């Protein structure tokens, strides 16, 4: 419905990933610079989701889920 109205929706599990990534890095004892570098990649991933959505015509939530599943497959 949002897509049909021209409203761009970034799925919450994409935009909230930075907090989880930063926490994981801290729990693993990694340096803050390493954590920040990984967190900065969230924007790149969200851009990938938007691009995929626009290219395929699927909602951004579906595009994000497809990309996540592809990354999780062994």
C-alpha atoms as a PDB file:
ATOM      1  CA  UNK A   1       0.000   0.000   0.000  1.00  0.00           C
ATOM      2  CA  UNK A   2       2.828   2.402   0.836  1.00  0.00           C
ATOM      3  CA  UNK A   3       4.590   1.651  -2.423  1.00  0.00           C
ATOM      4  CA  UNK A   4       1.477   2.411  -4.434  1.00  0.00           C
ATOM      5  CA  UNK A   5       1.321   5.838  -2.759  1.00  0.00           C
ATOM      6  CA  UNK A   6       4.962   6.588  -3.533  1.00  0.00           C
ATOM      7  CA  UNK A   7       6.044   6.243   0.096  1.00  0.00           C
ATOM      8  CA  UNK A   8       9.460   4.676   0.586  1.00  0.00           C
ATOM      9  CA  UNK A   9       9.503   2.227   3.481  1.00  0.00           C
ATOM     10  CA  UNK A  10      12.774   0.966   4.897  1.00  0.00           C
ATOM     11  CA  UNK A  11      12.095  -2.250   6.838  1.00  0.00           C
ATOM     12  CA  UNK A  12      12.769  -1.922  10.551  1.00  0.00           C
ATOM     13  CA  UNK A  13      15.085  -4.923  10.674  1.00  0.00           C
ATOM     14  CA  UNK A  14      17.317  -3.106   8.175  1.00  0.00           C
ATOM     15  CA  UNK A  15      17.434   0.303   9.779  1.00  0.00           C
ATOM     16  CA  UNK A  16      17.708  -1.092  13.315  1.00  0.00           C
ATOM     17  CA  UNK A  17      20.547  -3.444  12.393  1.00  0.00           C
ATOM     18  CA  UNK A  18      23.178  -0.897  13.346  1.00  0.00           C
ATOM     19  CA  UNK A  19      22.380  -1.155  17.040  1.00  0.00           C
ATOM     20  CA  UNK A  20      22.627  -4.927  17.023  1.00  0.00           C
ATOM     21  CA  UNK A  21      25.827  -4.890  15.011  1.00  0.00           C
ATOM     22  CA  UNK A  22      27.421  -2.378  17.383  1.00  0.00           C
ATOM     23  CA  UNK A  23      26.362  -4.424  20.416  1.00  0.00           C
ATOM     24  CA  UNK A  24      27.772  -7.614  18.896  1.00  0.00           C
ATOM     25  CA  UNK A  25      31.072  -5.883  18.184  1.00  0.00           C
ATOM     26  CA  UNK A  26      31.271  -4.623  21.758  1.00  0.00           C
ATOM     27  CA  UNK A  27      30.432  -8.053  23.206  1.00  0.00           C
ATOM     28  CA  UNK A  28      33.137  -9.612  21.051  1.00  0.00           C
ATOM     29  CA  UNK A  29      35.612  -7.051  22.366  1.00  0.00           C
ATOM     30  CA  UNK A  30      36.332  -5.460  19.006  1.00  0.00           C
ATOM     31  CA  UNK A  31      37.586  -1.912  18.715  1.00  0.00           C
ATOM     32  CA  UNK A  32      35.050   0.859  18.234  1.00  0.00           C
ATOM     33  CA  UNK A  33      36.516   1.719  14.824  1.00  0.00           C
ATOM     34  CA  UNK A  34      35.759  -1.794  13.596  1.00  0.00           C
ATOM     35  CA  UNK A  35      32.229  -1.590  14.970  1.00  0.00           C
ATOM     36  CA  UNK A  36      31.642   1.787  13.366  1.00  0.00           C
ATOM     37  CA  UNK A  37      32.876   0.533   9.992  1.00  0.00           C
ATOM     38  CA  UNK A  38      30.386  -2.335  10.112  1.00  0.00           C
ATOM     39  CA  UNK A  39      27.552  -0.055  11.231  1.00  0.00           C
ATOM     40  CA  UNK A  40      28.243   2.307   8.326  1.00  0.00           C
ATOM     41  CA  UNK A  41      27.496  -0.589   5.978  1.00  0.00           C
ATOM     42  CA  UNK A  42      23.852  -0.515   7.085  1.00  0.00           C
ATOM     43  CA  UNK A  43      23.251   2.422   4.747  1.00  0.00           C
ATOM     44  CA  UNK A  44      24.803   0.487   1.874  1.00  0.00           C
ATOM     45  CA  UNK A  45      22.518  -2.463   2.575  1.00  0.00           C
ATOM     46  CA  UNK A  46      19.420  -0.260   2.790  1.00  0.00           C
ATOM     47  CA  UNK A  47      20.380   1.262  -0.568  1.00  0.00           C
ATOM     48  CA  UNK A  48      20.645  -2.272  -1.989  1.00  0.00           C
ATOM     49  CA  UNK A  49      17.159  -3.039  -0.695  1.00  0.00           C
ATOM     50  CA  UNK A  50      15.729   0.100  -2.282  1.00  0.00           C
ATOM     51  CA  UNK A  51      17.500  -0.586  -5.569  1.00  0.00           C
ATOM     52  CA  UNK A  52      16.268  -4.179  -5.668  1.00  0.00           C
ATOM     53  CA  UNK A  53      12.735  -3.054  -4.864  1.00  0.00           C
ATOM     54  CA  UNK A  54      12.751  -0.511  -7.656  1.00  0.00           C
ATOM     55  CA  UNK A  55      14.294  -2.903 -10.196  1.00  0.00           C
ATOM     56  CA  UNK A  56      11.954  -5.789  -9.441  1.00  0.00           C
ATOM     57  CA  UNK A  57       8.811  -3.914  -8.441  1.00  0.00           C
ATOM     58  CA  UNK A  58       8.482  -5.796  -5.146  1.00  0.00           C
ATOM     59  CA  UNK A  59       7.889  -3.957  -1.859  1.00  0.00           C
ATOM     60  CA  UNK A  60      11.018  -3.041   0.075  1.00  0.00           C
ATOM     61  CA  UNK A  61      10.066  -5.458   2.863  1.00  0.00           C
ATOM     62  CA  UNK A  62      10.095  -8.326   0.361  1.00  0.00           C
ATOM     63  CA  UNK A  63      13.342  -7.148  -1.213  1.00  0.00           C
ATOM     64  CA  UNK A  64      14.977  -6.938   2.225  1.00  0.00           C
ATOM     65  CA  UNK A  65      13.772 -10.399   3.184  1.00  0.00           C
ATOM     66  CA  UNK A  66      15.070 -11.862  -0.086  1.00  0.00           C
ATOM     67  CA  UNK A  67      18.490 -10.265   0.405  1.00  0.00           C
ATOM     68  CA  UNK A  68      18.662 -11.408   4.034  1.00  0.00           C
ATOM     69  CA  UNK A  69      17.778 -14.976   3.115  1.00  0.00           C
ATOM     70  CA  UNK A  70      20.401 -14.981   0.368  1.00  0.00           C
ATOM     71  CA  UNK A  71      23.064 -13.845   2.857  1.00  0.00           C
ATOM     72  CA  UNK A  72      22.064 -16.464   5.415  1.00  0.00           C
ATOM     73  CA  UNK A  73      22.147 -19.426   3.053  1.00  0.00           C
ATOM     74  CA  UNK A  74      25.280 -21.568   3.376  1.00  0.00           C
END
